Amino acid sequence: MKKHWYHYLWIWSLIYFGMGFFNILFAWMGLISFALPLIMAIGFGNKRFCNRYCDRGQTLRALGQLGFSRRRDMPAWMKSKAFRYGFMLFFFGMFGSVLYTTWLVYSGAESLQQVVSLLWTFHFPWEWAYSGAVSPWTAQFAFGLYSLMLTSEVIALITMLLFRPRSWCVYCPMGTLTQLICQAKAGKTQ
C-alpha cells in the first residue's frame, strides 16, 4: 500500500499528548481536533476528515498494522445508533462539564484544579505542567480538555486492542456528529 502524507498524522497525536504533558496550555490545540471535522463536514458535506485526516484514526491504523489489534468484529450493540448517539451525548456532556468548571474558575466560585482526570474517575496531580503564566480559567480549560482527549484516546486504544484497529471510529463522538451534519446537508432523514 502506498503511503500518503496523511498516513503520518499519527505524529500529531504524539506531539499533542507530549507537549500537554510538559505544558498543559498546549492542550488548547485539542480544539483543532474538534473544529476541523466540523468545518470539513459543513464545508464539503463529507467525512473526509474522519476517513483520511484524523490523527487518532491514523494512530489506530498504524498500531493495527503493527499487530496490536485482535481484528475481531465489534458487538452489534456498539455499532447501533442508540449506542453511538448515546455515547456522543455523554461525551459532549463531559465537554459541557469542562466548560462549566472553567466558568466556575473564571467567575471565582472555584479555584484551579491542577489535575488530569482519566476515564472521569482517576485524578492525577499535574501541577508541573502549569507555570501560572496565564489566568487560572485558561489553565482550567486546558486541564479539562487534556483529560477529555486523554480519556478518549485510552478508550480508542482499548477498543483497537479488542476489535478491529479503527473500531473507535464507529462510535467516535466527532464522527457521529459529522455524519449527522453530512446527512443533513444531503437532505437525508434518519
Protein backbone atom coordinates (compact mmCIF):
# COMPACT_ATOMS: atom_id res chain seq x y z
CA MET A 1 0.00 0.00 0.00
CA LYS A 2 1.35 3.38 -0.99
CA LYS A 3 1.91 5.70 1.97
CA HIS A 4 0.41 9.17 1.69
CA TRP A 5 1.38 12.18 3.78
CA TYR A 6 -1.76 11.84 5.88
CA HIS A 7 -0.71 8.35 7.00
CA TYR A 8 1.83 10.14 9.20
CA LEU A 9 -0.72 12.28 11.02
CA TRP A 10 -0.37 9.91 13.99
CA ILE A 11 2.65 12.06 14.79
CA TRP A 12 0.24 14.88 15.66
CA SER A 13 -1.17 12.74 18.50
CA LEU A 14 2.32 12.19 19.88
CA ILE A 15 3.08 15.89 19.67
CA TYR A 16 -0.23 16.86 21.29
CA PHE A 17 0.00 14.49 24.25
CA GLY A 18 3.73 15.05 24.65
CA MET A 19 3.51 18.83 24.71
CA GLY A 20 0.48 18.78 27.01
CA PHE A 21 2.36 16.52 29.40
CA PHE A 22 5.03 19.18 29.91
CA ASN A 23 2.92 22.32 29.46
CA ILE A 24 -0.82 21.95 29.91
CA LEU A 25 -1.55 25.08 27.89
CA PHE A 26 -0.73 23.15 24.72
CA ALA A 27 -3.91 21.19 25.41
CA TRP A 28 -5.79 24.08 23.78
CA MET A 29 -4.54 22.67 20.47
CA GLY A 30 -7.08 19.89 21.00
CA LEU A 31 -9.71 22.31 19.74
CA ILE A 32 -8.26 21.67 16.29
CA SER A 33 -9.48 18.08 16.61
CA PHE A 34 -12.94 19.42 17.42
CA ALA A 35 -13.09 22.13 14.76
CA LEU A 36 -11.57 20.56 11.65
CA PRO A 37 -14.02 17.67 11.25
CA LEU A 38 -16.94 20.07 11.73
CA ILE A 39 -15.53 22.62 9.29
CA MET A 40 -14.91 19.95 6.66
CA ALA A 41 -18.33 18.33 7.14
CA ILE A 42 -20.13 21.67 6.93
CA GLY A 43 -18.00 22.95 4.07
CA PHE A 44 -17.74 19.84 1.92
CA GLY A 45 -20.60 17.66 3.15
CA ASN A 46 -18.40 14.59 3.60
CA LYS A 47 -16.43 12.70 6.22
CA ARG A 48 -13.07 13.13 4.54
CA PHE A 49 -11.52 14.31 7.80
CA CYS A 50 -12.56 11.09 9.55
CA ASN A 51 -11.53 8.85 6.68
CA ARG A 52 -8.14 10.42 5.99
CA TYR A 53 -7.00 13.27 8.19
CA CYS A 54 -7.96 12.23 11.72
CA ASP A 55 -4.78 11.81 13.73
CA ARG A 56 -6.44 9.32 16.08
CA GLY A 57 -7.71 7.23 13.18
CA GLN A 58 -4.22 7.22 11.67
CA THR A 59 -2.73 6.25 15.05
CA LEU A 60 -5.13 3.32 15.34
CA ARG A 61 -4.48 2.28 11.74
CA ALA A 62 -0.70 2.35 12.27
CA LEU A 63 -0.88 0.38 15.53
CA GLY A 64 -3.20 -2.12 13.88
CA GLN A 65 -0.69 -2.64 11.09
CA LEU A 66 1.92 -3.39 13.76
CA GLY A 67 -0.30 -6.20 15.07
CA PHE A 68 -1.76 -4.52 18.16
CA SER A 69 -5.31 -5.49 17.27
CA ARG A 70 -7.25 -8.73 17.57
CA ARG A 71 -9.05 -7.77 14.33
CA ARG A 72 -12.39 -9.03 15.57
CA ASP A 73 -15.80 -7.62 14.82
CA MET A 74 -17.35 -5.31 17.37
CA PRO A 75 -20.57 -6.42 19.07
CA ALA A 76 -23.65 -5.22 17.23
CA TRP A 77 -24.75 -3.06 20.17
CA MET A 78 -21.59 -0.95 19.83
CA LYS A 79 -22.50 -0.22 16.21
CA SER A 80 -26.11 0.66 16.98
CA LYS A 81 -27.47 4.18 16.60
CA ALA A 82 -28.60 4.13 20.23
CA PHE A 83 -25.07 3.48 21.49
CA ARG A 84 -23.40 5.89 19.05
CA TYR A 85 -25.81 8.74 19.79
CA GLY A 86 -25.82 7.97 23.50
CA PHE A 87 -22.02 8.00 23.63
CA MET A 88 -21.95 11.24 21.65
CA LEU A 89 -24.37 12.88 24.10
CA PHE A 90 -22.37 11.58 27.06
CA PHE A 91 -19.10 12.81 25.54
CA PHE A 92 -20.46 16.27 24.81
CA GLY A 93 -22.00 16.31 28.29
CA MET A 94 -18.49 15.77 29.65
CA PHE A 95 -17.24 18.59 27.41
CA GLY A 96 -20.03 20.74 28.87
CA SER A 97 -18.73 19.82 32.32
CA VAL A 98 -15.27 21.06 31.29
CA LEU A 99 -16.81 24.34 30.14
CA TYR A 100 -18.84 24.67 33.34
CA THR A 101 -15.81 24.04 35.56
CA THR A 102 -13.86 26.57 33.51
CA TRP A 103 -16.66 29.09 34.05
CA LEU A 104 -16.62 28.46 37.81
CA VAL A 105 -12.88 29.13 37.91
CA TYR A 106 -13.31 32.24 35.73
CA SER A 107 -16.04 33.61 37.99
CA GLY A 108 -14.05 32.91 41.15
CA ALA A 109 -16.54 30.37 42.53
CA GLU A 110 -13.92 27.59 42.29
CA SER A 111 -10.14 27.52 42.35
CA LEU A 112 -7.90 26.00 39.72
CA GLN A 113 -7.71 22.20 39.86
CA GLN A 114 -4.32 21.15 38.53
CA VAL A 115 -5.28 17.55 37.83
CA VAL A 116 -5.77 15.38 34.79
CA SER A 117 -8.70 13.00 35.05
CA LEU A 118 -8.59 9.69 33.25
CA LEU A 119 -11.86 7.94 32.46
CA TRP A 120 -13.64 10.62 34.54
CA THR A 121 -12.66 8.68 37.66
CA PHE A 122 -8.92 8.67 38.25
CA HIS A 123 -7.39 12.05 39.09
CA PHE A 124 -3.66 12.59 38.69
CA PRO A 125 -1.81 15.64 40.04
CA TRP A 126 -0.38 17.56 37.09
CA GLU A 127 0.97 20.73 38.71
CA TRP A 128 4.36 20.54 36.96
CA ALA A 129 2.65 21.29 33.65
CA TYR A 130 1.35 24.73 34.66
CA SER A 131 3.62 27.64 35.43
CA GLY A 132 0.96 30.18 36.39
CA ALA A 133 1.74 32.38 33.39
CA VAL A 134 -1.90 32.75 32.34
CA SER A 135 -5.19 33.30 34.12
CA PRO A 136 -6.47 30.27 36.06
CA TRP A 137 -9.56 29.77 33.88
CA THR A 138 -7.35 29.40 30.79
CA ALA A 139 -5.38 26.66 32.53
CA GLN A 140 -8.55 25.03 33.89
CA PHE A 141 -9.94 24.64 30.39
CA ALA A 142 -6.62 23.14 29.27
CA PHE A 143 -6.63 20.60 32.13
CA GLY A 144 -10.21 19.63 31.31
CA LEU A 145 -9.67 19.35 27.56
CA TYR A 146 -6.47 17.34 28.03
CA SER A 147 -8.36 14.99 30.37
CA LEU A 148 -11.12 14.54 27.80
CA MET A 149 -8.68 13.94 24.96
CA LEU A 150 -6.59 11.51 27.01
CA THR A 151 -9.67 9.59 28.15
CA SER A 152 -10.99 9.25 24.61
CA GLU A 153 -7.52 8.15 23.44
CA VAL A 154 -7.43 5.41 26.08
CA ILE A 155 -10.96 4.26 25.13
CA ALA A 156 -9.92 4.24 21.46
CA LEU A 157 -6.80 2.19 22.21
CA ILE A 158 -8.75 -0.35 24.28
CA THR A 159 -11.31 -0.67 21.50
CA MET A 160 -8.49 -1.13 18.96
CA LEU A 161 -6.86 -3.85 21.09
CA LEU A 162 -10.13 -5.77 21.47
CA PHE A 163 -11.58 -5.34 18.00
CA ARG A 164 -10.55 -4.00 14.59
CA PRO A 165 -7.94 -1.21 14.51
CA ARG A 166 -10.35 1.63 13.74
CA SER A 167 -13.33 0.32 15.70
CA TRP A 168 -13.32 3.54 17.73
CA CYS A 169 -14.27 5.38 14.56
CA VAL A 170 -17.64 3.59 14.54
CA TYR A 171 -18.78 5.39 17.70
CA CYS A 172 -16.40 8.37 17.83
CA PRO A 173 -18.47 11.36 19.01
CA MET A 174 -16.98 13.69 16.38
CA GLY A 175 -17.51 11.08 13.67
CA THR A 176 -21.13 10.63 14.74
CA LEU A 177 -21.68 14.38 14.73
CA THR A 178 -20.05 14.85 11.31
CA GLN A 179 -22.18 12.01 9.97
CA LEU A 180 -25.31 13.83 11.19
CA ILE A 181 -24.08 17.05 9.54
CA CYS A 182 -23.40 15.27 6.25
CA GLN A 183 -26.81 13.59 6.30
CA ALA A 184 -28.50 16.94 7.00
CA LYS A 185 -26.59 18.60 4.16
CA ALA A 186 -27.60 15.77 1.81
CA GLY A 187 -31.24 16.11 2.92
CA LYS A 188 -31.43 12.57 4.27
CA THR A 189 -33.71 11.75 7.15
CA GLN A 190 -32.95 9.17 9.78
